[in-house]
Protein backbone atom coordinates (compact mmCIF):
# COMPACT_ATOMS: atom_id res chain seq x y z
CA MET A 1 65.08 62.88 29.82
CA CYS A 2 66.40 66.27 30.91
CA LEU A 3 66.90 69.23 28.60
CA MET A 4 70.42 69.19 27.17
CA HIS A 5 72.54 72.25 26.38
CA PHE A 6 75.65 72.12 24.23
CA GLY A 7 78.64 74.32 24.92
CA LEU A 8 82.09 74.39 23.35
CA THR A 9 85.52 73.98 24.85
CA THR A 10 86.73 76.90 22.80
CA PRO A 11 89.65 76.20 20.44
CA ILE A 12 92.71 78.47 20.28
CA LEU A 13 92.46 79.65 23.90
CA THR A 14 94.46 76.75 25.34
CA LEU A 15 97.05 74.59 23.65
CA VAL A 16 97.15 71.27 25.47
CA PRO A 17 99.68 68.81 24.03
CA ARG A 18 98.20 65.91 22.06
CA THR A 19 94.72 67.48 21.92
CA HIS A 20 94.97 70.79 20.03
CA ALA A 21 95.05 70.95 16.24
CA ALA A 22 98.13 72.33 14.49
CA TRP A 23 96.27 75.28 12.96
CA GLU A 24 95.40 76.66 16.42
CA VAL A 25 99.03 77.56 17.16
CA ASP A 26 98.97 80.59 14.85
CA ALA A 27 95.27 81.43 15.20
CA GLY A 28 94.11 84.56 16.99
CA PRO A 29 91.31 87.10 17.33
CA ASP A 30 89.87 86.77 13.81
CA GLU A 31 89.55 82.99 14.03
CA LEU A 32 88.12 83.25 17.54
CA ARG A 33 85.54 85.78 16.35
CA GLN A 34 84.43 83.46 13.55
CA ILE A 35 84.02 80.54 15.94
CA ALA A 36 82.14 82.63 18.51
CA GLN A 37 79.76 84.09 15.96
CA ALA A 38 79.08 80.70 14.39
CA ALA A 39 78.35 79.20 17.81
CA ASP A 40 76.06 82.14 18.60
CA ARG A 41 74.17 81.80 15.31
CA LEU A 42 73.80 78.02 15.59
CA GLY A 43 72.36 78.04 19.10
CA TYR A 44 75.24 76.68 21.17
CA HIS A 45 74.73 77.37 24.86
CA HIS A 46 78.16 78.57 26.00
CA LEU A 47 81.80 79.09 25.15
CA THR A 48 84.53 78.38 27.68
CA CYS A 49 87.76 80.02 28.75
CA SER A 50 90.06 78.56 31.39
CA GLU A 51 92.58 80.23 33.69
CA HIS A 52 96.27 79.85 34.40
CA VAL A 53 98.52 82.83 35.03
CA GLY A 54 101.82 81.04 34.56
CA ILE A 55 102.74 77.43 33.82
CA PRO A 56 106.12 76.04 34.93
CA ARG A 57 108.19 75.12 31.89
CA ASP A 58 108.39 71.43 32.83
CA VAL A 59 104.63 71.24 33.47
CA ALA A 60 103.77 72.80 30.08
CA ALA A 61 104.63 69.51 28.38
CA ILE A 62 101.53 68.05 30.07
CA ARG A 63 99.18 70.99 30.66
CA GLY A 64 100.26 73.22 27.80
CA GLY A 65 101.62 76.72 28.02
CA ARG A 66 98.89 78.84 26.42
CA TYR A 67 95.95 80.03 28.52
CA TYR A 68 94.11 83.17 27.45
CA ASP A 69 92.93 85.37 30.32
CA PRO A 70 89.21 84.60 30.84
CA ALA A 71 87.96 88.10 31.72
CA ALA A 72 89.55 89.76 28.69
CA THR A 73 88.73 86.89 26.35
CA LEU A 74 85.10 86.48 27.37
CA GLY A 75 84.71 90.25 27.13
CA PHE A 76 85.93 90.05 23.53
CA ILE A 77 83.49 87.21 22.81
CA ALA A 78 80.63 89.11 24.44
CA ALA A 79 81.26 92.08 22.16
CA VAL A 80 80.95 90.03 18.95
CA THR A 81 77.97 87.85 19.97
CA GLN A 82 74.42 88.29 21.21
CA ARG A 83 73.17 85.12 22.93
CA VAL A 84 75.88 82.57 23.67
CA ARG A 85 76.78 82.36 27.36
CA LEU A 86 80.27 83.01 28.74
CA LEU A 87 81.73 80.31 31.00
CA THR A 88 84.93 80.47 33.00
CA HIS A 89 86.03 76.84 32.86
CA VAL A 90 87.47 77.23 35.40
CA LEU A 91 88.61 80.26 37.39
CA VAL A 92 91.05 79.27 40.15
CA LEU A 93 89.17 80.96 42.98
CA PRO A 94 91.93 80.92 45.67
CA TYR A 95 94.03 83.19 43.42
CA HIS A 96 91.50 86.02 43.85
CA HIS A 97 89.66 88.05 46.46
CA PRO A 98 85.93 87.24 46.10
CA LEU A 99 85.06 90.94 45.67
CA ALA A 100 87.56 91.23 42.82
CA VAL A 101 85.83 88.30 41.14
CA ALA A 102 82.39 89.78 41.81
CA LYS A 103 83.45 93.13 40.35
CA ARG A 104 85.27 91.73 37.30
CA TYR A 105 82.64 89.21 36.27
CA GLY A 106 79.75 91.34 37.48
CA THR A 107 80.97 94.00 35.06
CA LEU A 108 81.12 91.39 32.30
CA ASP A 109 77.63 90.21 33.20
CA CYS A 110 76.37 93.79 32.98
CA LEU A 111 78.07 94.45 29.64
CA SER A 112 76.93 91.14 28.13
CA GLY A 113 73.31 91.40 29.22
CA GLY A 114 73.48 88.68 31.87
CA ARG A 115 75.34 85.93 30.03
CA VAL A 116 78.09 84.96 32.49
CA ILE A 117 78.38 81.54 34.11
CA LEU A 118 81.09 81.47 36.75
CA GLY A 119 82.95 78.18 36.70
CA VAL A 120 85.39 77.93 39.61
CA GLY A 121 87.87 75.43 40.98
CA VAL A 122 90.17 75.01 43.97
CA GLY A 123 93.37 74.69 41.91
CA SER A 124 96.09 72.04 41.95
CA LEU A 125 99.29 73.59 40.54
CA LYS A 126 101.44 74.26 43.61
CA GLU A 127 104.11 76.19 41.69
CA GLU A 128 101.52 78.64 40.39
CA PHE A 129 100.15 79.22 43.90
CA GLU A 130 103.69 80.00 45.05
CA LEU A 131 104.25 82.31 42.08
CA LEU A 132 101.16 84.31 43.03
CA GLY A 133 101.75 84.25 46.77
CA ALA A 134 98.61 82.21 47.37
CA ASP A 135 98.23 79.61 50.13
CA PHE A 136 98.38 76.14 48.59
CA ALA A 137 98.13 74.05 51.76
CA GLY A 138 95.12 75.96 53.10
CA ARG A 139 93.35 76.47 49.80
CA GLY A 140 90.40 74.15 50.59
CA ALA A 141 89.09 76.13 53.55
CA LEU A 142 89.78 79.42 51.77
CA TYR A 143 87.94 78.16 48.68
CA GLU A 144 84.80 77.19 50.58
CA ASP A 145 84.69 80.50 52.41
CA ALA A 146 85.22 82.35 49.12
CA LEU A 147 82.31 80.43 47.58
CA ARG A 148 80.03 81.62 50.39
CA ALA A 149 81.37 85.15 50.00
CA LEU A 150 80.80 85.10 46.23
CA ARG A 151 77.19 84.06 46.68
CA ALA A 152 76.73 86.95 49.12
CA ALA A 153 78.39 89.44 46.75
CA LEU A 154 77.27 88.61 43.21
CA GLY A 155 74.49 90.88 42.00
CA ARG A 156 74.59 93.14 45.06
CA ARG A 157 75.70 96.76 44.91
CA GLU A 158 76.51 96.84 48.64
CA PRO A 159 77.40 93.26 49.58
CA GLU A 160 78.07 92.10 53.10
CA TYR A 161 79.75 88.92 54.29
CA HIS A 162 81.47 87.89 57.49
CA GLY A 163 83.33 84.60 57.26
CA ALA A 164 86.40 82.82 58.51
CA HIS A 165 88.66 84.16 55.74
CA CYS A 166 86.60 86.84 53.96
CA ASP A 167 85.03 89.78 55.75
CA PHE A 168 83.51 92.81 54.05
CA ALA A 169 80.77 95.39 54.45
CA GLY A 170 80.29 99.08 53.74
CA PHE A 171 81.69 99.03 50.18
CA ILE A 172 79.88 99.77 46.92
CA ILE A 173 80.51 97.34 44.04
CA ASP A 174 79.17 99.08 40.95
CA PRO A 175 78.52 97.74 38.37
CA CYS A 176 77.47 94.39 39.71
CA ALA A 177 76.04 91.29 38.05
CA VAL A 178 72.61 91.82 36.49
CA GLN A 179 71.50 88.21 36.88
CA ALA A 180 69.44 87.71 40.01
CA ARG A 181 71.51 84.59 40.66
CA MET A 182 74.61 84.22 38.52
CA PRO A 183 75.18 80.47 38.05
CA ILE A 184 78.24 79.10 39.83
CA TRP A 185 79.48 75.79 38.43
CA ILE A 186 82.05 73.92 40.53
CA GLY A 187 84.87 72.23 38.66
CA GLY A 188 87.27 69.53 39.75
CA ARG A 189 88.23 65.90 39.33
CA SER A 190 87.25 64.45 42.69
CA VAL A 191 84.21 63.21 44.58
CA ARG A 192 84.70 66.16 46.92
CA SER A 193 84.16 68.59 44.05
CA LEU A 194 80.68 67.14 43.53
CA ARG A 195 79.90 67.43 47.24
CA ARG A 196 81.05 71.06 47.15
CA ALA A 197 78.96 71.72 44.06
CA LEU A 198 75.83 70.42 45.77
CA GLU A 199 76.52 72.50 48.87
CA PHE A 200 77.80 75.76 47.38
CA GLY A 201 77.01 75.86 43.68
CA ASP A 202 74.43 75.66 40.94
CA GLY A 203 76.13 72.92 38.99
CA TRP A 204 79.05 70.49 38.69
CA ASP A 205 81.51 70.87 35.80
CA PRO A 206 84.15 68.15 36.30
CA PHE A 207 87.06 66.94 34.19
CA GLY A 208 89.28 63.89 34.11
CA PHE A 209 86.55 61.27 34.63
CA SER A 210 85.72 58.51 32.17
CA ALA A 211 82.10 57.99 31.18
CA ALA A 212 81.98 54.82 33.27
CA GLN A 213 83.35 56.63 36.33
CA LEU A 214 80.77 59.39 35.91
CA GLU A 215 77.93 56.90 35.59
CA ASP A 216 78.98 55.19 38.82
CA LEU A 217 79.59 58.38 40.79
CA LEU A 218 76.37 60.10 39.73
CA ALA A 219 74.33 56.99 40.50
CA ARG A 220 75.80 56.84 44.02
CA ALA A 221 75.51 60.60 44.56
CA ARG A 222 71.75 60.59 44.07
CA ASP A 223 71.49 58.84 47.44
CA TRP A 224 73.54 61.50 49.24
CA PRO A 225 71.55 63.71 51.64
CA GLN A 226 72.90 66.83 49.87
CA TRP A 227 71.33 65.64 46.61
CA ARG A 228 68.07 64.31 48.02
CA GLN A 229 67.45 67.45 50.09
CA ARG A 230 68.39 69.95 47.40
CA ALA A 231 65.46 72.09 46.23
CA GLU A 232 67.22 74.37 43.71
CA PRO A 233 67.95 73.31 40.11
CA PHE A 234 71.35 71.69 39.65
CA ASP A 235 73.31 71.47 36.41
CA ILE A 236 75.53 68.51 35.56
CA VAL A 237 78.00 69.68 32.93
CA LEU A 238 80.13 66.91 31.45
CA SER A 239 82.99 66.83 28.94
CA PRO A 240 82.96 63.81 26.59
CA GLU A 241 86.37 62.39 25.76
CA PRO A 242 87.90 61.89 23.30
CA ALA A 243 86.96 64.69 20.92
CA LEU A 244 83.98 63.95 18.68
CA ALA A 245 84.54 63.00 15.04
CA LEU A 246 81.73 63.91 12.62
CA ASP A 247 83.15 63.33 9.15
CA ASP A 248 80.72 60.63 8.03
CA ALA A 249 77.30 59.21 8.84
CA ALA A 250 78.70 56.50 11.12
CA GLU A 251 80.56 59.06 13.23
CA VAL A 252 77.47 61.26 13.45
CA GLU A 253 75.49 58.27 14.71
CA GLN A 254 78.21 57.54 17.28
CA ALA A 255 77.97 61.16 18.45
CA ARG A 256 74.20 60.81 18.87
CA GLU A 257 74.68 57.63 20.90
CA LEU A 258 77.30 59.29 23.10
CA VAL A 259 75.06 62.29 23.75
CA ALA A 260 72.20 59.93 24.63
CA ARG A 261 74.46 58.10 27.08
CA PHE A 262 75.38 61.33 28.86
CA GLN A 263 71.75 62.38 28.84
CA ARG A 264 70.79 59.13 30.59
CA MET A 265 73.40 59.91 33.27
CA GLY A 266 71.51 63.14 33.97
CA ALA A 267 73.78 65.60 32.19
CA THR A 268 72.11 68.94 31.52
CA ALA A 269 74.99 70.32 29.43
CA LEU A 270 78.07 69.12 27.57
CA ASN A 271 81.38 70.84 26.88
CA LEU A 272 82.15 69.65 23.37
CA ARG A 273 85.44 69.21 21.57
CA PHE A 274 85.63 68.17 17.91
CA ARG A 275 88.38 66.40 15.99
CA HIS A 276 89.27 69.05 13.41
CA ARG A 277 92.12 69.96 11.06
CA SER A 278 91.49 73.61 10.12
CA LEU A 279 89.29 76.57 10.95
CA ALA A 280 87.07 75.81 7.96
CA HIS A 281 86.74 72.19 9.08
CA TYR A 282 85.89 73.24 12.64
CA LEU A 283 83.16 75.61 11.43
CA GLU A 284 81.82 72.82 9.23
CA LEU A 285 81.65 70.50 12.25
CA LEU A 286 79.78 73.13 14.28
CA GLU A 287 77.18 73.26 11.53
CA ARG A 288 76.96 69.47 11.24
CA PHE A 289 76.52 68.88 14.97
CA ALA A 290 73.85 71.59 15.16
CA ARG A 291 72.03 70.14 12.17
CA GLU A 292 72.44 66.40 12.68
CA VAL A 293 72.85 65.83 16.42
CA MET A 294 71.21 68.66 18.38
CA PRO A 295 67.67 68.05 17.00
CA PHE A 296 67.79 64.39 18.11
CA THR A 297 68.43 65.10 21.81
C-alpha cells in the first residue's frame, strides 16, 4: 500500500449549506489558530483554503457565501504553525495572470519555509467570471496555457515562457518559491481534470465523485498512456464523503475501513471533514483520528 497523508478541509473558511456546523458561523481568527496549531502538533499533512471572489446571491444557497481569501488566510496559518502544509483547494487559475500567482504564492512559500501546495482548477461559475472580466467560454485553453506558464515560473527569479496566451521574459520575480518544484494539484469533477493532472500537474485533487465512481475511474485511468508513461511521482488526493463521525468505537472502526478503501484505490492523501458540534468537539476529533486511525494506515 502507498504512504497516506491526512489533510483537513479547514472549518470556518467556507460555509457550505447543509455541511458546516452552526458554531462556525461566528468563529474567526482565534478558532482558526487553535485548529491550525492542533493540526500542526498532531502531524496532519495540510490545511486547505478555497477561492471565490464573489458568489451570486441565488447561488449561495447551494455553494455558500463565505470563502476566505486563500493567500491571506494561508499566510495567517503559516505564521502560527511550523510544519503543516498550505493547500489552495482550489485556486481558480483563469482569474489570475500566472506571474501574479507565482509571485503571491512564491512569496508565501518563501515565508513559510517551502510549505505551499498549489491546488488549481478551471472554474465553473459563469457569473463570477463575468464579474471579474474573465473569459468563461475560452477558459479551458487559457487554463492549460497558464499551467505550462506556472511550471515555467514557479521557483525562478527570472522566468521565461512563450505560449499561446501567456508570454513573458525579462522580468524579475523576487521573492520566488523556495521549493525546487512546488507541487501543483489539479482539481475538478470530471475525467478531463484527471487527464490534465497527469499531463500538467503533480497530483489530482477532485471533488464531487462517489467512492464507487473514483474506484472505477482510477482503475480505468491506469491503462491510459499518460499514466503508464509517467515517470514523476503523482499524488491522488481524495475527499471522503460524508464527513467522518468518530464519537464511539464503531465509528472509529468505520473510519479505519474507509481510509483502507481509499488507500486500496491508490490515494496518497485525504482531505478530511469531521462531523462536529463545537470547536472543542472538533479539536477532540482531531486528537482521536490522529491517535486511533492514523497509526493503522
